[in-house]
Amino acid sequence: MLAYIVRRLFYAIPILVGVNLLTFALFFIVNTPDDMARMQLGAKRVTPEAIEKWKAERGYDLPLLWNAKAAGAGKVTQSIFFQKSARLFVFDFGYSEDKRDIAGEIRERMWPSLALAVPVFLVGLAVCISFALLMAFFRASYLDFWGVVLCVAMMSVSTLFYIIGGQYLASKTWHLVPISGYAGGFDAFRFLVLPVVIGVISGIGSSSRWYRTLFLEEMGRDYVRTARAKGLSESVVLFGHVLKNALIPILTGAVVVIPLLFLGSLLSESFFGIPGLGSYTIDAIQSQDFAVVRAMVFLGSVFYIIGLILTDISYTLVDPRIRLE
């Protein structure tokens, strides 16, 4: 297994390089360093001297990829791409356009994101699996029929509707929780309870329907019919056999998102005013802060690769017969 993990990590290097190159190219196709300077300084009454000064202070006065005026290795190293992107591979994110330490911002904003994302993930997983098991247990009944109808209806509703409706009812009308904001320590609970509830509810429809399909597929296999023929009760078959064998596809969707929990939820954090990494990314995109966007895209790629490796490892824990080669 160790050799497999090392090999997958080596495979990740060209993927990260490609993601870096693609992000760099897309960003500079949309905006040149001069455009970025004008946006940061203000489009009106910006002098060429002010633009050149802004670019020199932030290292955007260098060529993009190749510095023909430099000597030796400097032709590569003395470029915007190398100065701004090569450091990411040692997790040196540098500074944002407003001179803030990006790594410090990530460390600070990571905890509000985790405080929101982890409960949504754990509670949502438990609720969706339980609801799917309930529908599978009472399959072909009215409970199963109306459960599927409810799932389809919830899938058809935008997450924004749940957010805005929840804020209107729970905060503005009933005054149960604050409509937005965040506080540290135990005070964070009253700010997070509504986003967590909305995050769980908004994911019930699609996840429960998918899990139900997995359970019903397993219930039609030969080993289930054999277990029933031996006299095992339906609950024992469902929880002792079907659930265990359906864990592999469930883990595929669950484990892979665990590392991405650090990146937070873009919509929830923005609408509820939670100072996490999701809102940090949205603010960076709106302000055209290339340094922050580049760092968050790189982090997302790293976490996604880690999630894929964790998914493969989890397969061996669920079924010892699986070997990673």
Protein backbone atom coordinates (compact mmCIF):
# COMPACT_ATOMS: atom_id res chain seq x y z
CA MET A 1 0.00 0.00 0.00
CA LEU A 2 2.87 2.39 0.79
CA ALA A 3 4.28 1.94 -2.72
CA TYR A 4 0.83 2.68 -4.16
CA ILE A 5 0.50 5.90 -2.14
CA VAL A 6 3.98 7.07 -3.15
CA ARG A 7 3.23 6.33 -6.80
CA ARG A 8 -0.04 8.26 -6.64
CA LEU A 9 1.75 11.22 -5.06
CA PHE A 10 4.25 11.26 -7.92
CA TYR A 11 1.37 11.13 -10.39
CA ALA A 12 -0.10 14.18 -8.67
CA ILE A 13 2.88 16.39 -9.54
CA PRO A 14 2.12 16.80 -13.28
CA ILE A 15 -1.56 17.28 -12.41
CA LEU A 16 -0.72 20.15 -10.06
CA VAL A 17 1.66 21.67 -12.62
CA GLY A 18 -1.08 21.50 -15.25
CA VAL A 19 -3.65 23.07 -12.91
CA ASN A 20 -1.18 25.84 -12.14
CA LEU A 21 -0.49 26.52 -15.80
CA LEU A 22 -4.20 26.50 -16.68
CA THR A 23 -5.11 28.86 -13.83
CA PHE A 24 -2.24 31.18 -14.74
CA ALA A 25 -3.19 31.21 -18.43
CA LEU A 26 -6.90 31.79 -17.83
CA PHE A 27 -6.26 34.60 -15.38
CA PHE A 28 -3.87 36.51 -17.64
CA ILE A 29 -6.05 35.98 -20.70
CA VAL A 30 -8.80 37.85 -18.88
CA ASN A 31 -6.57 40.54 -17.34
CA THR A 32 -3.07 41.78 -18.08
CA PRO A 33 -0.92 43.13 -15.22
CA ASP A 34 -1.81 46.65 -16.43
CA ASP A 35 -5.53 45.83 -16.16
CA MET A 36 -4.98 44.46 -12.66
CA ALA A 37 -3.16 47.64 -11.65
CA ARG A 38 -5.94 49.86 -12.99
CA MET A 39 -8.56 47.82 -11.15
CA GLN A 40 -6.69 48.01 -7.86
CA LEU A 41 -5.77 51.69 -8.17
CA GLY A 42 -9.05 52.85 -9.64
CA ALA A 43 -9.87 53.18 -13.32
CA LYS A 44 -10.04 56.98 -13.27
CA ARG A 45 -7.00 59.29 -13.20
CA VAL A 46 -4.43 56.50 -13.05
CA THR A 47 -1.07 57.60 -14.38
CA PRO A 48 1.38 55.28 -16.18
CA GLU A 49 3.87 55.93 -13.38
CA ALA A 50 1.40 54.71 -10.76
CA ILE A 51 0.74 51.56 -12.79
CA GLU A 52 4.44 50.80 -13.18
CA LYS A 53 5.01 51.39 -9.47
CA TRP A 54 2.15 49.07 -8.55
CA LYS A 55 3.51 46.34 -10.85
CA ALA A 56 7.05 46.71 -9.52
CA GLU A 57 5.94 46.47 -5.89
CA ARG A 58 4.11 43.21 -6.56
CA GLY A 59 6.48 41.60 -9.05
CA TYR A 60 4.24 42.01 -12.10
CA ASP A 61 6.85 44.00 -14.02
CA LEU A 62 8.59 40.76 -15.08
CA PRO A 63 7.81 38.77 -18.27
CA LEU A 64 5.04 36.22 -17.92
CA LEU A 65 6.86 32.96 -18.68
CA TRP A 66 10.29 33.63 -20.22
CA ASN A 67 12.76 36.41 -19.38
CA ALA A 68 14.98 36.75 -22.43
CA LYS A 69 17.03 39.51 -20.80
CA ALA A 70 18.12 37.34 -17.87
CA ALA A 71 21.10 34.99 -17.90
CA GLY A 72 21.12 31.23 -17.38
CA ALA A 73 18.39 29.86 -15.16
CA GLY A 74 17.17 33.40 -14.61
CA LYS A 75 15.39 33.19 -17.95
CA VAL A 76 12.90 30.90 -16.20
CA THR A 77 13.14 31.96 -12.58
CA GLN A 78 12.89 35.70 -13.30
CA SER A 79 9.34 35.45 -14.61
CA ILE A 80 5.91 36.05 -13.16
CA PHE A 81 4.91 32.40 -13.46
CA PHE A 82 7.92 31.08 -11.59
CA GLN A 83 7.89 33.80 -8.92
CA LYS A 84 4.16 33.47 -8.29
CA SER A 85 3.49 29.77 -8.92
CA ALA A 86 6.59 27.69 -8.18
CA ARG A 87 6.43 28.61 -4.49
CA LEU A 88 3.04 26.97 -4.21
CA PHE A 89 4.65 23.52 -4.31
CA VAL A 90 6.30 24.28 -0.94
CA PHE A 91 3.04 25.92 0.25
CA ASP A 92 4.51 29.41 0.15
CA PHE A 93 1.45 31.38 -0.92
CA GLY A 94 2.99 34.82 -0.64
CA TYR A 95 0.88 37.93 -0.14
CA SER A 96 -2.43 39.13 -1.51
CA GLU A 97 -2.78 42.35 -3.48
CA ASP A 98 -3.57 44.24 -0.25
CA LYS A 99 -0.31 42.95 1.30
CA ARG A 100 -1.89 40.36 3.64
CA ASP A 101 -0.20 37.04 4.32
CA ILE A 102 -2.28 34.46 2.44
CA ALA A 103 -1.08 31.51 4.54
CA GLY A 104 -2.05 33.39 7.71
CA GLU A 105 -5.47 34.18 6.28
CA ILE A 106 -5.98 30.52 5.35
CA ARG A 107 -5.03 29.34 8.85
CA GLU A 108 -7.39 31.87 10.42
CA ARG A 109 -10.33 31.29 8.10
CA MET A 110 -10.00 27.51 8.03
CA TRP A 111 -11.67 27.06 11.41
CA PRO A 112 -14.96 28.85 10.63
CA SER A 113 -15.15 26.79 7.42
CA LEU A 114 -14.59 23.55 9.32
CA ALA A 115 -17.08 24.59 12.01
CA LEU A 116 -19.72 24.84 9.29
CA ALA A 117 -18.68 22.07 6.88
CA VAL A 118 -17.95 19.23 9.32
CA PRO A 119 -21.41 19.21 11.01
CA VAL A 120 -23.12 19.52 7.62
CA PHE A 121 -21.09 16.58 6.33
CA LEU A 122 -21.54 14.27 9.33
CA VAL A 123 -25.17 15.06 10.12
CA GLY A 124 -26.10 15.07 6.45
CA LEU A 125 -24.47 11.70 5.88
CA ALA A 126 -26.29 10.15 8.85
CA VAL A 127 -29.67 11.66 7.91
CA CYS A 128 -29.46 10.73 4.23
CA ILE A 129 -28.34 7.14 4.85
CA SER A 130 -31.04 6.66 7.50
CA PHE A 131 -33.76 8.07 5.25
CA ALA A 132 -32.57 5.94 2.32
CA LEU A 133 -32.55 2.82 4.50
CA LEU A 134 -36.07 3.61 5.66
CA MET A 135 -37.32 3.90 2.08
CA ALA A 136 -35.50 0.69 1.09
CA PHE A 137 -36.92 -1.17 4.08
CA PHE A 138 -40.48 -0.13 3.15
CA ARG A 139 -39.86 -0.43 -0.58
CA ALA A 140 -42.89 -0.47 -2.90
CA SER A 141 -45.05 1.04 -0.16
CA TYR A 142 -46.66 4.45 0.22
CA LEU A 143 -43.80 5.52 2.47
CA ASP A 144 -41.29 4.66 -0.25
CA PHE A 145 -43.36 6.36 -2.96
CA TRP A 146 -43.84 9.64 -1.11
CA GLY A 147 -40.24 9.54 0.08
CA VAL A 148 -39.03 9.46 -3.52
CA VAL A 149 -41.47 12.24 -4.43
CA LEU A 150 -40.10 14.32 -1.56
CA CYS A 151 -36.52 13.66 -2.68
CA VAL A 152 -37.27 14.72 -6.26
CA ALA A 153 -39.03 17.85 -5.03
CA MET A 154 -36.11 18.78 -2.76
CA MET A 155 -33.64 18.13 -5.57
CA SER A 156 -35.54 20.53 -7.80
CA VAL A 157 -35.26 23.45 -5.39
CA SER A 158 -32.19 25.68 -5.55
CA THR A 159 -29.94 25.95 -2.51
CA LEU A 160 -30.47 29.71 -2.61
CA PHE A 161 -34.17 29.16 -1.90
CA TYR A 162 -33.36 27.21 1.26
CA ILE A 163 -30.89 29.88 2.37
CA ILE A 164 -33.14 32.86 1.74
CA GLY A 165 -36.25 31.07 3.04
CA GLY A 166 -34.43 29.92 6.17
CA GLN A 167 -33.14 33.41 6.87
CA TYR A 168 -36.60 34.89 6.40
CA LEU A 169 -38.40 32.39 8.63
CA ALA A 170 -35.88 31.57 11.36
CA SER A 171 -34.21 34.97 11.62
CA LYS A 172 -36.47 37.72 10.36
CA THR A 173 -39.90 36.29 11.26
CA TRP A 174 -39.30 34.05 14.27
CA HIS A 175 -36.10 35.74 15.57
CA LEU A 176 -34.62 32.41 16.62
CA VAL A 177 -31.06 32.94 15.39
CA PRO A 178 -29.02 35.82 13.89
CA ILE A 179 -29.52 36.32 10.18
CA SER A 180 -25.76 36.52 9.53
CA GLY A 181 -22.41 37.02 11.24
CA TYR A 182 -19.98 34.92 13.22
CA ALA A 183 -18.39 34.77 16.67
CA GLY A 184 -15.64 32.70 18.17
CA GLY A 185 -15.87 30.05 20.85
CA PHE A 186 -19.22 28.71 22.02
CA ASP A 187 -20.99 31.81 20.69
CA ALA A 188 -20.44 30.41 17.20
CA PHE A 189 -23.23 27.87 17.80
CA ARG A 190 -26.06 30.38 17.42
CA PHE A 191 -24.55 31.66 14.17
CA LEU A 192 -23.93 28.19 12.74
CA VAL A 193 -27.10 26.30 13.65
CA LEU A 194 -29.15 27.77 10.78
CA PRO A 195 -26.46 27.29 8.07
CA VAL A 196 -25.92 23.71 9.24
CA VAL A 197 -29.66 22.90 9.17
CA ILE A 198 -30.01 24.44 5.71
CA GLY A 199 -26.91 22.63 4.46
CA VAL A 200 -28.30 19.29 5.63
CA ILE A 201 -31.80 19.89 4.25
CA SER A 202 -30.56 21.07 0.86
CA GLY A 203 -28.58 17.84 0.38
CA ILE A 204 -31.21 15.33 1.51
CA GLY A 205 -32.98 15.01 -1.84
CA SER A 206 -30.12 14.02 -4.13
CA SER A 207 -28.11 12.01 -1.59
CA SER A 208 -31.03 10.02 -0.16
CA ARG A 209 -32.31 9.11 -3.60
CA TRP A 210 -28.84 7.92 -4.67
CA TYR A 211 -28.33 5.88 -1.50
CA ARG A 212 -31.78 4.33 -1.91
CA THR A 213 -30.81 3.21 -5.43
CA LEU A 214 -27.64 1.61 -4.08
CA PHE A 215 -29.52 -0.24 -1.35
CA LEU A 216 -32.20 -1.51 -3.71
CA GLU A 217 -29.55 -2.73 -6.15
CA GLU A 218 -27.83 -4.67 -3.38
CA MET A 219 -31.15 -6.11 -2.16
CA GLY A 220 -31.68 -7.76 -5.54
CA ARG A 221 -28.44 -9.74 -5.45
CA ASP A 222 -28.13 -13.47 -4.88
CA TYR A 223 -26.52 -13.27 -1.45
CA VAL A 224 -29.52 -11.32 -0.12
CA ARG A 225 -31.95 -13.95 -1.40
CA THR A 226 -29.76 -16.62 0.20
CA ALA A 227 -29.77 -14.77 3.52
CA ARG A 228 -33.57 -14.51 3.41
CA ALA A 229 -33.83 -18.21 2.56
CA LYS A 230 -31.83 -19.02 5.69
CA GLY A 231 -34.52 -17.33 7.76
CA LEU A 232 -32.78 -14.03 8.57
CA SER A 233 -35.11 -11.14 9.30
CA GLU A 234 -35.40 -8.24 6.87
CA SER A 235 -33.76 -5.83 9.32
CA VAL A 236 -30.77 -8.14 9.80
CA VAL A 237 -30.40 -8.54 6.02
CA LEU A 238 -30.67 -4.79 5.48
CA PHE A 239 -28.31 -3.62 8.22
CA GLY A 240 -25.99 -6.62 8.40
CA HIS A 241 -25.47 -7.32 4.70
CA VAL A 242 -26.92 -4.70 2.37
CA LEU A 243 -25.56 -1.67 4.21
CA LYS A 244 -22.08 -3.18 4.52
CA ASN A 245 -21.80 -4.07 0.85
CA ALA A 246 -23.17 -0.68 -0.25
CA LEU A 247 -20.49 1.18 1.70
CA ILE A 248 -17.95 1.10 -1.15
CA PRO A 249 -19.92 3.37 -3.54
CA ILE A 250 -21.02 5.48 -0.56
CA LEU A 251 -17.39 5.94 0.46
CA THR A 252 -16.55 6.98 -3.07
CA GLY A 253 -18.72 10.05 -2.71
CA ALA A 254 -18.12 10.67 1.00
CA VAL A 255 -14.40 10.23 1.61
CA VAL A 256 -13.37 12.21 -1.44
CA VAL A 257 -15.06 15.35 -0.10
CA ILE A 258 -13.48 15.18 3.36
CA PRO A 259 -10.31 17.12 2.41
CA LEU A 260 -12.44 19.65 0.54
CA LEU A 261 -14.23 20.54 3.78
CA PHE A 262 -11.31 22.88 4.50
CA LEU A 263 -12.30 25.05 1.54
CA GLY A 264 -15.70 25.81 3.00
CA SER A 265 -19.04 26.47 1.33
CA LEU A 266 -19.09 29.36 -1.12
CA LEU A 267 -22.83 30.10 -0.96
CA SER A 268 -23.45 29.53 2.75
CA GLU A 269 -20.44 31.51 3.93
CA SER A 270 -21.25 34.40 1.59
CA PHE A 271 -24.93 34.65 2.50
CA PHE A 272 -24.45 34.11 6.23
CA GLY A 273 -21.38 36.34 6.58
CA ILE A 274 -19.12 33.56 7.88
CA PRO A 275 -15.43 34.55 7.51
CA GLY A 276 -14.29 31.22 6.10
CA LEU A 277 -12.31 30.15 3.07
CA GLY A 278 -15.40 30.06 0.86
CA SER A 279 -16.18 33.74 1.37
CA TYR A 280 -12.45 34.46 1.13
CA THR A 281 -12.39 32.93 -2.34
CA ILE A 282 -15.51 34.79 -3.46
CA ASP A 283 -14.06 38.11 -2.29
CA ALA A 284 -10.78 37.37 -4.10
CA ILE A 285 -12.61 36.62 -7.36
CA GLN A 286 -14.64 39.80 -7.11
CA SER A 287 -11.56 41.92 -6.43
CA GLN A 288 -9.48 40.10 -9.10
CA ASP A 289 -6.88 39.13 -6.51
CA PHE A 290 -4.84 36.67 -8.56
CA ALA A 291 -2.58 35.62 -5.67
CA VAL A 292 -5.50 34.45 -3.50
CA VAL A 293 -7.37 32.77 -6.37
CA ARG A 294 -4.22 30.93 -7.43
CA ALA A 295 -3.58 29.74 -3.86
CA MET A 296 -7.15 28.52 -3.34
CA VAL A 297 -7.24 26.69 -6.69
CA PHE A 298 -3.93 25.01 -5.84
CA LEU A 299 -5.19 24.02 -2.38
CA GLY A 300 -8.38 22.64 -3.88
CA SER A 301 -6.37 20.49 -6.29
CA VAL A 302 -4.15 19.18 -3.49
CA PHE A 303 -7.11 18.33 -1.27
CA TYR A 304 -8.96 16.63 -4.12
CA ILE A 305 -5.97 14.39 -4.87
CA ILE A 306 -5.69 13.55 -1.17
CA GLY A 307 -9.38 12.70 -1.16
CA LEU A 308 -8.96 10.28 -4.08
CA ILE A 309 -6.09 8.53 -2.28
CA LEU A 310 -8.13 8.30 0.94
CA THR A 311 -11.02 6.85 -1.05
CA ASP A 312 -8.82 4.07 -2.44
CA ILE A 313 -7.45 3.32 1.03
CA SER A 314 -10.95 3.20 2.51
CA TYR A 315 -11.89 0.48 0.02
CA THR A 316 -9.33 -1.86 1.59
CA LEU A 317 -10.74 -1.14 5.05
CA VAL A 318 -14.30 -1.94 4.00
CA ASP A 319 -13.37 -5.04 1.98
CA PRO A 320 -10.02 -6.70 2.87
CA ARG A 321 -10.17 -8.64 -0.41
CA ILE A 322 -9.38 -5.43 -2.32
CA ARG A 323 -5.68 -4.91 -2.92
CA LEU A 324 -4.08 -1.69 -4.14
CA GLU A 325 -1.58 -2.37 -6.89
